[in-house]
């Protein structure tokens, strides 16, 4: 009996089964992305109120300036955005950033959640996957899982900080005064928004110029992006530029952001340009 042939055939069968399992696993991830994006899109107001400066009349002056810049009078106050982006994402350090070109699509529905689905690199070094309030899942070459995080309070808290800050960038209507949203005066050019939702709390400082344009967004983020890989509060922030009109909103199309903002350790690991942004109506 040709045992070598038998072992070879068994090896081929096991390899095929392993590849099939990986394909199914990847399919399950894609399906989870689609379902969560669909759920978040359903958070869009069906008949949104119309913006008036009267809504923000009691806010600190820098906050009023911010909203006057970011939202035109009479704008329907949509709070859920679909965003397409391209840019660079660092897989390294300040000394060796090792930037990778990426493209991504995101559904942002603060304070309920977000899904950021990305891909970058080429061939076997192609990185793809998604980030959300519930998971971080990345694959190398489309077949090898290289990150499977989430499902715990640390991840949820870290993700909450990200998408609350991004609401300042791209869905300012989600931060208008209401239950769970508190605005505070910091100084003549800075307002702080504090968002509370389902047991989570995040403060974000927004630095505005004399026209109300947000130039920097800074916040204390719960993060393990440190040499010890230990979750703790760290400064995170970035710069906003290239503002354009989108459905009555004036939003930044270029963002540079990173950990340890305001310190010598800061470097932007996330540099993106928005290629498409819209506030889609709810589909029933």
C-alpha atoms as a PDB file:
ATOM      1  CA  UNK A   1       0.000   0.000   0.000  1.00  0.00           C
ATOM      2  CA  UNK A   2       1.309   3.437  -0.928  1.00  0.00           C
ATOM      3  CA  UNK A   3       1.188   5.061   2.548  1.00  0.00           C
ATOM      4  CA  UNK A   4       2.968   8.198   1.347  1.00  0.00           C
ATOM      5  CA  UNK A   5       0.238   8.731  -1.225  1.00  0.00           C
ATOM      6  CA  UNK A   6      -2.455   8.236   1.419  1.00  0.00           C
ATOM      7  CA  UNK A   7      -0.813  10.701   3.817  1.00  0.00           C
ATOM      8  CA  UNK A   8      -0.445  13.196   0.967  1.00  0.00           C
ATOM      9  CA  UNK A   9      -4.121  12.890   0.020  1.00  0.00           C
ATOM     10  CA  UNK A  10      -5.164  13.258   3.665  1.00  0.00           C
ATOM     11  CA  UNK A  11      -2.992  16.365   3.927  1.00  0.00           C
ATOM     12  CA  UNK A  12      -4.609  17.866   0.832  1.00  0.00           C
ATOM     13  CA  UNK A  13      -8.071  17.130   2.221  1.00  0.00           C
ATOM     14  CA  UNK A  14      -7.236  18.674   5.600  1.00  0.00           C
ATOM     15  CA  UNK A  15      -5.769  21.738   3.885  1.00  0.00           C
ATOM     16  CA  UNK A  16      -8.896  22.132   1.776  1.00  0.00           C
ATOM     17  CA  UNK A  17     -11.097  21.799   4.856  1.00  0.00           C
ATOM     18  CA  UNK A  18      -8.964  24.389   6.663  1.00  0.00           C
ATOM     19  CA  UNK A  19      -9.216  26.845   3.766  1.00  0.00           C
ATOM     20  CA  UNK A  20     -12.967  26.273   3.559  1.00  0.00           C
ATOM     21  CA  UNK A  21     -13.312  26.977   7.289  1.00  0.00           C
ATOM     22  CA  UNK A  22     -11.340  30.207   6.895  1.00  0.00           C
ATOM     23  CA  UNK A  23     -13.536  31.277   3.968  1.00  0.00           C
ATOM     24  CA  UNK A  24     -16.669  30.592   5.998  1.00  0.00           C
ATOM     25  CA  UNK A  25     -15.196  32.475   8.964  1.00  0.00           C
ATOM     26  CA  UNK A  26     -14.393  35.443   6.723  1.00  0.00           C
ATOM     27  CA  UNK A  27     -17.904  35.317   5.280  1.00  0.00           C
ATOM     28  CA  UNK A  28     -19.355  35.414   8.792  1.00  0.00           C
ATOM     29  CA  UNK A  29     -17.309  38.553   9.524  1.00  0.00           C
ATOM     30  CA  UNK A  30     -18.561  40.248   6.346  1.00  0.00           C
ATOM     31  CA  UNK A  31     -22.131  39.362   7.257  1.00  0.00           C
ATOM     32  CA  UNK A  32     -21.708  40.794  10.762  1.00  0.00           C
ATOM     33  CA  UNK A  33     -20.376  44.025   9.237  1.00  0.00           C
ATOM     34  CA  UNK A  34     -23.384  44.308   6.925  1.00  0.00           C
ATOM     35  CA  UNK A  35     -25.924  43.588   9.657  1.00  0.00           C
ATOM     36  CA  UNK A  36     -24.399  46.089  12.085  1.00  0.00           C
ATOM     37  CA  UNK A  37     -24.184  48.763   9.379  1.00  0.00           C
ATOM     38  CA  UNK A  38     -27.829  48.150   8.517  1.00  0.00           C
ATOM     39  CA  UNK A  39     -28.833  48.394  12.180  1.00  0.00           C
ATOM     40  CA  UNK A  40     -26.974  51.675  12.590  1.00  0.00           C
ATOM     41  CA  UNK A  41     -28.449  53.161   9.426  1.00  0.00           C
ATOM     42  CA  UNK A  42     -31.887  52.541  10.926  1.00  0.00           C
ATOM     43  CA  UNK A  43     -30.967  55.052  13.661  1.00  0.00           C
ATOM     44  CA  UNK A  44     -31.326  57.866  11.116  1.00  0.00           C
ATOM     45  CA  UNK A  45     -34.238  60.195  11.991  1.00  0.00           C
ATOM     46  CA  UNK A  46     -37.110  59.703   9.550  1.00  0.00           C
ATOM     47  CA  UNK A  47     -38.397  63.265   9.905  1.00  0.00           C
ATOM     48  CA  UNK A  48     -35.458  65.215  11.334  1.00  0.00           C
ATOM     49  CA  UNK A  49     -36.012  68.612  12.913  1.00  0.00           C
ATOM     50  CA  UNK A  50     -34.603  71.695  11.210  1.00  0.00           C
ATOM     51  CA  UNK A  51     -31.581  73.494  12.632  1.00  0.00           C
ATOM     52  CA  UNK A  52     -31.890  76.931  14.169  1.00  0.00           C
ATOM     53  CA  UNK A  53     -29.365  78.781  16.287  1.00  0.00           C
ATOM     54  CA  UNK A  54     -32.090  79.001  18.921  1.00  0.00           C
ATOM     55  CA  UNK A  55     -31.327  75.329  19.673  1.00  0.00           C
ATOM     56  CA  UNK A  56     -27.821  76.250  20.877  1.00  0.00           C
ATOM     57  CA  UNK A  57     -28.595  79.645  22.408  1.00  0.00           C
ATOM     58  CA  UNK A  58     -27.758  78.455  25.944  1.00  0.00           C
ATOM     59  CA  UNK A  59     -24.460  76.763  25.079  1.00  0.00           C
ATOM     60  CA  UNK A  60     -20.999  78.228  25.841  1.00  0.00           C
ATOM     61  CA  UNK A  61     -19.887  80.764  23.237  1.00  0.00           C
ATOM     62  CA  UNK A  62     -17.219  78.524  21.578  1.00  0.00           C
ATOM     63  CA  UNK A  63     -19.857  75.788  21.206  1.00  0.00           C
ATOM     64  CA  UNK A  64     -22.325  78.223  19.629  1.00  0.00           C
ATOM     65  CA  UNK A  65     -19.591  79.340  17.248  1.00  0.00           C
ATOM     66  CA  UNK A  66     -18.867  75.727  16.348  1.00  0.00           C
ATOM     67  CA  UNK A  67     -22.477  74.918  15.512  1.00  0.00           C
ATOM     68  CA  UNK A  68     -22.918  78.174  13.579  1.00  0.00           C
ATOM     69  CA  UNK A  69     -19.987  77.105  11.410  1.00  0.00           C
ATOM     70  CA  UNK A  70     -20.841  73.405  11.138  1.00  0.00           C
ATOM     71  CA  UNK A  71     -24.607  73.554  10.471  1.00  0.00           C
ATOM     72  CA  UNK A  72     -26.444  76.034   8.261  1.00  0.00           C
ATOM     73  CA  UNK A  73     -29.783  77.453   9.372  1.00  0.00           C
ATOM     74  CA  UNK A  74     -32.633  75.337   8.040  1.00  0.00           C
ATOM     75  CA  UNK A  75     -30.581  72.147   7.679  1.00  0.00           C
ATOM     76  CA  UNK A  76     -32.394  68.853   8.377  1.00  0.00           C
ATOM     77  CA  UNK A  77     -30.629  67.401  11.403  1.00  0.00           C
ATOM     78  CA  UNK A  78     -29.523  64.009  10.206  1.00  0.00           C
ATOM     79  CA  UNK A  79     -27.322  62.182  12.694  1.00  0.00           C
ATOM     80  CA  UNK A  80     -26.148  59.079  10.802  1.00  0.00           C
ATOM     81  CA  UNK A  81     -23.542  59.296   8.051  1.00  0.00           C
ATOM     82  CA  UNK A  82     -22.047  56.975   5.471  1.00  0.00           C
ATOM     83  CA  UNK A  83     -18.430  57.905   4.800  1.00  0.00           C
ATOM     84  CA  UNK A  84     -15.935  56.645   2.236  1.00  0.00           C
ATOM     85  CA  UNK A  85     -12.254  57.419   2.774  1.00  0.00           C
ATOM     86  CA  UNK A  86      -8.798  56.844   1.406  1.00  0.00           C
ATOM     87  CA  UNK A  87      -5.459  57.596   2.987  1.00  0.00           C
ATOM     88  CA  UNK A  88      -2.694  56.087   5.072  1.00  0.00           C
ATOM     89  CA  UNK A  89      -2.692  53.958   8.198  1.00  0.00           C
ATOM     90  CA  UNK A  90       0.448  53.327  10.243  1.00  0.00           C
ATOM     91  CA  UNK A  91       1.370  49.835  11.292  1.00  0.00           C
ATOM     92  CA  UNK A  92       4.549  51.005  12.994  1.00  0.00           C
ATOM     93  CA  UNK A  93       5.921  53.594  15.378  1.00  0.00           C
ATOM     94  CA  UNK A  94       6.908  57.252  15.274  1.00  0.00           C
ATOM     95  CA  UNK A  95      10.449  56.256  14.317  1.00  0.00           C
ATOM     96  CA  UNK A  96       9.280  53.838  11.616  1.00  0.00           C
ATOM     97  CA  UNK A  97       5.623  54.560  10.758  1.00  0.00           C
ATOM     98  CA  UNK A  98       5.395  51.939   8.007  1.00  0.00           C
ATOM     99  CA  UNK A  99       2.364  53.621   6.454  1.00  0.00           C
ATOM    100  CA  UNK A 100       0.019  51.524   4.346  1.00  0.00           C
ATOM    101  CA  UNK A 101      -2.359  52.967   1.771  1.00  0.00           C
ATOM    102  CA  UNK A 102      -5.938  52.146   2.722  1.00  0.00           C
ATOM    103  CA  UNK A 103      -9.496  52.655   1.583  1.00  0.00           C
ATOM    104  CA  UNK A 104     -12.443  52.348   3.916  1.00  0.00           C
ATOM    105  CA  UNK A 105     -16.165  52.729   4.355  1.00  0.00           C
ATOM    106  CA  UNK A 106     -17.811  53.721   7.602  1.00  0.00           C
ATOM    107  CA  UNK A 107     -21.269  54.057   9.081  1.00  0.00           C
ATOM    108  CA  UNK A 108     -21.209  56.529  11.962  1.00  0.00           C
ATOM    109  CA  UNK A 109     -24.207  56.693  14.289  1.00  0.00           C
ATOM    110  CA  UNK A 110     -23.023  58.238  17.555  1.00  0.00           C
ATOM    111  CA  UNK A 111     -23.744  57.636  20.341  1.00  0.00           C
ATOM    112  CA  UNK A 112     -25.180  54.258  19.293  1.00  0.00           C
ATOM    113  CA  UNK A 113     -22.177  52.916  17.420  1.00  0.00           C
ATOM    114  CA  UNK A 114     -20.089  52.712  14.261  1.00  0.00           C
ATOM    115  CA  UNK A 115     -18.561  50.266  11.798  1.00  0.00           C
ATOM    116  CA  UNK A 116     -15.312  51.057   9.973  1.00  0.00           C
ATOM    117  CA  UNK A 117     -14.520  48.562   7.206  1.00  0.00           C
ATOM    118  CA  UNK A 118     -11.108  48.874   5.562  1.00  0.00           C
ATOM    119  CA  UNK A 119      -8.597  47.277   3.231  1.00  0.00           C
ATOM    120  CA  UNK A 120      -5.018  48.162   2.353  1.00  0.00           C
ATOM    121  CA  UNK A 121      -1.771  46.751   1.071  1.00  0.00           C
ATOM    122  CA  UNK A 122      -1.216  44.255  -1.739  1.00  0.00           C
ATOM    123  CA  UNK A 123      -1.188  40.497  -2.235  1.00  0.00           C
ATOM    124  CA  UNK A 124      -0.304  38.389   0.759  1.00  0.00           C
ATOM    125  CA  UNK A 125       0.380  41.579   2.736  1.00  0.00           C
ATOM    126  CA  UNK A 126      -3.112  42.919   2.098  1.00  0.00           C
ATOM    127  CA  UNK A 127      -4.759  43.870   5.401  1.00  0.00           C
ATOM    128  CA  UNK A 128      -8.526  43.993   5.634  1.00  0.00           C
ATOM    129  CA  UNK A 129     -11.188  43.887   8.279  1.00  0.00           C
ATOM    130  CA  UNK A 130     -13.376  46.062  10.422  1.00  0.00           C
ATOM    131  CA  UNK A 131     -13.613  47.978  13.661  1.00  0.00           C
ATOM    132  CA  UNK A 132     -16.793  48.637  15.616  1.00  0.00           C
ATOM    133  CA  UNK A 133     -18.143  49.193  19.078  1.00  0.00           C
ATOM    134  CA  UNK A 134     -18.236  45.425  19.540  1.00  0.00           C
ATOM    135  CA  UNK A 135     -15.183  44.064  17.745  1.00  0.00           C
ATOM    136  CA  UNK A 136     -11.853  44.647  16.025  1.00  0.00           C
ATOM    137  CA  UNK A 137     -11.206  42.006  13.333  1.00  0.00           C
ATOM    138  CA  UNK A 138      -8.392  42.105  10.822  1.00  0.00           C
ATOM    139  CA  UNK A 139      -7.173  39.594   8.261  1.00  0.00           C
ATOM    140  CA  UNK A 140      -3.898  39.296   6.366  1.00  0.00           C
ATOM    141  CA  UNK A 141      -4.154  38.299   2.736  1.00  0.00           C
ATOM    142  CA  UNK A 142      -7.879  37.712   3.222  1.00  0.00           C
ATOM    143  CA  UNK A 143      -7.214  34.335   4.865  1.00  0.00           C
ATOM    144  CA  UNK A 144      -5.122  34.732   8.001  1.00  0.00           C
ATOM    145  CA  UNK A 145      -6.811  36.262  11.088  1.00  0.00           C
ATOM    146  CA  UNK A 146      -4.293  38.606  12.726  1.00  0.00           C
ATOM    147  CA  UNK A 147      -6.524  40.416  15.246  1.00  0.00           C
ATOM    148  CA  UNK A 148      -9.653  39.268  17.062  1.00  0.00           C
ATOM    149  CA  UNK A 149     -10.486  41.739  19.789  1.00  0.00           C
ATOM    150  CA  UNK A 150     -13.593  43.001  21.524  1.00  0.00           C
ATOM    151  CA  UNK A 151     -16.490  41.730  23.551  1.00  0.00           C
ATOM    152  CA  UNK A 152     -15.228  43.291  26.776  1.00  0.00           C
ATOM    153  CA  UNK A 153     -15.621  46.605  28.663  1.00  0.00           C
ATOM    154  CA  UNK A 154     -12.140  47.862  27.735  1.00  0.00           C
ATOM    155  CA  UNK A 155     -12.756  47.546  24.017  1.00  0.00           C
ATOM    156  CA  UNK A 156     -16.228  49.062  24.283  1.00  0.00           C
ATOM    157  CA  UNK A 157     -14.914  52.055  26.234  1.00  0.00           C
ATOM    158  CA  UNK A 158     -12.040  52.628  23.789  1.00  0.00           C
ATOM    159  CA  UNK A 159     -14.356  52.402  20.782  1.00  0.00           C
ATOM    160  CA  UNK A 160     -16.843  54.802  22.363  1.00  0.00           C
ATOM    161  CA  UNK A 161     -14.135  57.451  22.603  1.00  0.00           C
ATOM    162  CA  UNK A 162     -13.340  57.070  18.922  1.00  0.00           C
ATOM    163  CA  UNK A 163     -16.816  57.413  17.519  1.00  0.00           C
ATOM    164  CA  UNK A 164     -17.885  60.221  19.852  1.00  0.00           C
ATOM    165  CA  UNK A 165     -14.864  62.210  18.669  1.00  0.00           C
ATOM    166  CA  UNK A 166     -15.662  61.392  15.055  1.00  0.00           C
ATOM    167  CA  UNK A 167     -19.177  62.729  15.577  1.00  0.00           C
ATOM    168  CA  UNK A 168     -17.531  66.122  16.057  1.00  0.00           C
ATOM    169  CA  UNK A 169     -15.949  65.681  12.622  1.00  0.00           C
ATOM    170  CA  UNK A 170     -18.810  64.312  10.568  1.00  0.00           C
ATOM    171  CA  UNK A 171     -22.151  64.186  12.435  1.00  0.00           C
ATOM    172  CA  UNK A 172     -22.365  67.378  14.526  1.00  0.00           C
ATOM    173  CA  UNK A 173     -26.160  67.138  14.730  1.00  0.00           C
ATOM    174  CA  UNK A 174     -25.684  64.082  16.957  1.00  0.00           C
ATOM    175  CA  UNK A 175     -24.100  66.387  19.548  1.00  0.00           C
ATOM    176  CA  UNK A 176     -26.815  69.012  19.810  1.00  0.00           C
ATOM    177  CA  UNK A 177     -28.212  69.582  23.336  1.00  0.00           C
ATOM    178  CA  UNK A 178     -30.410  66.758  24.635  1.00  0.00           C
ATOM    179  CA  UNK A 179     -30.381  64.108  27.327  1.00  0.00           C
ATOM    180  CA  UNK A 180     -26.919  62.566  27.535  1.00  0.00           C
ATOM    181  CA  UNK A 181     -25.181  65.534  25.881  1.00  0.00           C
ATOM    182  CA  UNK A 182     -23.560  68.214  28.042  1.00  0.00           C
ATOM    183  CA  UNK A 183     -21.536  71.201  26.802  1.00  0.00           C
ATOM    184  CA  UNK A 184     -18.971  72.988  28.971  1.00  0.00           C
ATOM    185  CA  UNK A 185     -16.884  76.128  28.567  1.00  0.00           C
ATOM    186  CA  UNK A 186     -13.109  75.538  28.663  1.00  0.00           C
ATOM    187  CA  UNK A 187     -11.710  78.830  27.362  1.00  0.00           C
ATOM    188  CA  UNK A 188     -12.400  81.433  24.652  1.00  0.00           C
ATOM    189  CA  UNK A 189     -11.453  79.042  21.851  1.00  0.00           C
ATOM    190  CA  UNK A 190     -12.385  75.674  23.351  1.00  0.00           C
ATOM    191  CA  UNK A 191     -15.655  73.939  24.160  1.00  0.00           C
ATOM    192  CA  UNK A 192     -16.017  70.519  25.747  1.00  0.00           C
ATOM    193  CA  UNK A 193     -18.800  68.095  24.957  1.00  0.00           C
ATOM    194  CA  UNK A 194     -19.511  65.241  27.362  1.00  0.00           C
ATOM    195  CA  UNK A 195     -21.502  62.329  25.944  1.00  0.00           C
ATOM    196  CA  UNK A 196     -23.134  59.714  28.181  1.00  0.00           C
ATOM    197  CA  UNK A 197     -24.779  56.615  26.727  1.00  0.00           C
ATOM    198  CA  UNK A 198     -25.589  53.206  28.196  1.00  0.00           C
ATOM    199  CA  UNK A 199     -23.142  53.504  31.066  1.00  0.00           C
ATOM    200  CA  UNK A 200     -20.337  55.020  28.990  1.00  0.00           C
ATOM    201  CA  UNK A 201     -19.020  58.573  29.240  1.00  0.00           C
ATOM    202  CA  UNK A 202     -16.623  60.477  27.004  1.00  0.00           C
ATOM    203  CA  UNK A 203     -15.445  64.103  27.065  1.00  0.00           C
ATOM    204  CA  UNK A 204     -14.065  65.708  23.894  1.00  0.00           C
ATOM    205  CA  UNK A 205     -12.453  69.150  23.615  1.00  0.00           C
ATOM    206  CA  UNK A 206     -13.065  71.077  20.402  1.00  0.00           C
ATOM    207  CA  UNK A 207     -10.713  73.924  19.534  1.00  0.00           C
ATOM    208  CA  UNK A 208     -12.308  76.459  17.189  1.00  0.00           C
ATOM    209  CA  UNK A 209     -10.993  79.482  15.323  1.00  0.00           C
ATOM    210  CA  UNK A 210     -12.705  82.879  15.244  1.00  0.00           C
ATOM    211  CA  UNK A 211     -15.145  81.618  12.587  1.00  0.00           C
ATOM    212  CA  UNK A 212     -16.062  78.542  14.636  1.00  0.00           C
ATOM    213  CA  UNK A 213     -14.117  76.164  12.415  1.00  0.00           C
ATOM    214  CA  UNK A 214     -12.919  73.169  14.504  1.00  0.00           C
ATOM    215  CA  UNK A 215      -9.170  72.938  13.985  1.00  0.00           C
ATOM    216  CA  UNK A 216      -8.264  70.391  16.665  1.00  0.00           C
ATOM    217  CA  UNK A 217     -10.176  67.715  18.509  1.00  0.00           C
ATOM    218  CA  UNK A 218      -8.566  66.321  21.687  1.00  0.00           C
ATOM    219  CA  UNK A 219      -9.838  63.804  24.215  1.00  0.00           C
ATOM    220  CA  UNK A 220      -8.658  61.447  26.977  1.00  0.00           C
ATOM    221  CA  UNK A 221      -8.981  58.007  25.391  1.00  0.00           C
ATOM    222  CA  UNK A 222      -9.082  54.651  27.123  1.00  0.00           C
ATOM    223  CA  UNK A 223      -6.365  52.835  25.195  1.00  0.00           C
ATOM    224  CA  UNK A 224      -3.751  50.090  25.292  1.00  0.00           C
ATOM    225  CA  UNK A 225      -1.621  51.737  22.578  1.00  0.00           C
ATOM    226  CA  UNK A 226       1.482  51.862  24.758  1.00  0.00           C
ATOM    227  CA  UNK A 227       4.608  49.722  25.235  1.00  0.00           C
ATOM    228  CA  UNK A 228       3.021  47.894  28.173  1.00  0.00           C
ATOM    229  CA  UNK A 229      -0.155  47.115  26.177  1.00  0.00           C
ATOM    230  CA  UNK A 230      -2.114  48.121  29.267  1.00  0.00           C
ATOM    231  CA  UNK A 231      -5.430  49.946  29.104  1.00  0.00           C
ATOM    232  CA  UNK A 232      -5.243  53.430  30.610  1.00  0.00           C
ATOM    233  CA  UNK A 233      -6.264  57.005  29.850  1.00  0.00           C
ATOM    234  CA  UNK A 234      -4.028  58.596  27.196  1.00  0.00           C
ATOM    235  CA  UNK A 235      -4.287  61.824  25.193  1.00  0.00           C
ATOM    236  CA  UNK A 236      -5.621  61.305  21.694  1.00  0.00           C
ATOM    237  CA  UNK A 237      -6.355  63.924  19.088  1.00  0.00           C
ATOM    238  CA  UNK A 238      -5.889  65.307  15.647  1.00  0.00           C
ATOM    239  CA  UNK A 239      -6.177  68.101  13.135  1.00  0.00           C
ATOM    240  CA  UNK A 240      -9.109  68.847  10.837  1.00  0.00           C
ATOM    241  CA  UNK A 241      -8.945  70.666   7.499  1.00  0.00           C
ATOM    242  CA  UNK A 242     -10.396  70.950   3.967  1.00  0.00           C
ATOM    243  CA  UNK A 243     -13.956  71.776   5.019  1.00  0.00           C
ATOM    244  CA  UNK A 244     -16.731  71.325   2.475  1.00  0.00           C
ATOM    245  CA  UNK A 245     -20.504  71.636   2.338  1.00  0.00           C
ATOM    246  CA  UNK A 246     -22.503  68.395   2.582  1.00  0.00           C
ATOM    247  CA  UNK A 247     -26.311  68.579   2.782  1.00  0.00           C
ATOM    248  CA  UNK A 248     -26.199  71.783   4.828  1.00  0.00           C
ATOM    249  CA  UNK A 249     -23.273  70.696   7.019  1.00  0.00           C
ATOM    250  CA  UNK A 250     -19.717  72.056   6.775  1.00  0.00           C
ATOM    251  CA  UNK A 251     -17.415  69.121   7.463  1.00  0.00           C
ATOM    252  CA  UNK A 252     -13.683  68.303   7.322  1.00  0.00           C
ATOM    253  CA  UNK A 253     -12.555  66.177   4.408  1.00  0.00           C
ATOM    254  CA  UNK A 254      -9.015  65.724   5.763  1.00  0.00           C
ATOM    255  CA  UNK A 255      -8.168  64.314   9.204  1.00  0.00           C
ATOM    256  CA  UNK A 256      -4.815  63.513  10.809  1.00  0.00           C
ATOM    257  CA  UNK A 257      -4.952  61.834  14.221  1.00  0.00           C
ATOM    258  CA  UNK A 258      -2.910  59.801  16.653  1.00  0.00           C
ATOM    259  CA  UNK A 259      -2.113  58.713  20.191  1.00  0.00           C
ATOM    260  CA  UNK A 260      -0.248  60.824  22.768  1.00  0.00           C
ATOM    261  CA  UNK A 261      -1.523  64.040  21.185  1.00  0.00           C
ATOM    262  CA  UNK A 262       0.203  67.110  22.579  1.00  0.00           C
ATOM    263  CA  UNK A 263       3.286  65.177  23.729  1.00  0.00           C
ATOM    264  CA  UNK A 264       6.663  64.374  22.186  1.00  0.00           C
ATOM    265  CA  UNK A 265       5.382  60.863  21.493  1.00  0.00           C
ATOM    266  CA  UNK A 266       2.631  62.011  19.142  1.00  0.00           C
ATOM    267  CA  UNK A 267       2.633  61.010  15.516  1.00  0.00           C
ATOM    268  CA  UNK A 268      -0.378  60.732  13.202  1.00  0.00           C
ATOM    269  CA  UNK A 269      -1.007  57.060  12.488  1.00  0.00           C
ATOM    270  CA  UNK A 270      -4.292  57.840  10.729  1.00  0.00           C
ATOM    271  CA  UNK A 271      -4.244  60.240   7.769  1.00  0.00           C
ATOM    272  CA  UNK A 272      -7.330  60.172   5.597  1.00  0.00           C
ATOM    273  CA  UNK A 273      -9.247  62.100   2.976  1.00  0.00           C
ATOM    274  CA  UNK A 274     -12.991  61.724   2.724  1.00  0.00           C
ATOM    275  CA  UNK A 275     -13.953  60.813  -0.834  1.00  0.00           C
ATOM    276  CA  UNK A 276     -17.696  60.578  -0.250  1.00  0.00           C
ATOM    277  CA  UNK A 277     -19.990  61.505   2.631  1.00  0.00           C
ATOM    278  CA  UNK A 278     -23.764  61.432   2.783  1.00  0.00           C
ATOM    279  CA  UNK A 279     -26.626  61.307   5.243  1.00  0.00           C
ATOM    280  CA  UNK A 280     -28.817  58.544   3.783  1.00  0.00           C
ATOM    281  CA  UNK A 281     -32.542  58.424   4.476  1.00  0.00           C
ATOM    282  CA  UNK A 282     -33.892  55.450   6.384  1.00  0.00           C
ATOM    283  CA  UNK A 283     -34.872  52.535   4.121  1.00  0.00           C
ATOM    284  CA  UNK A 284     -37.721  50.435   5.443  1.00  0.00           C
END
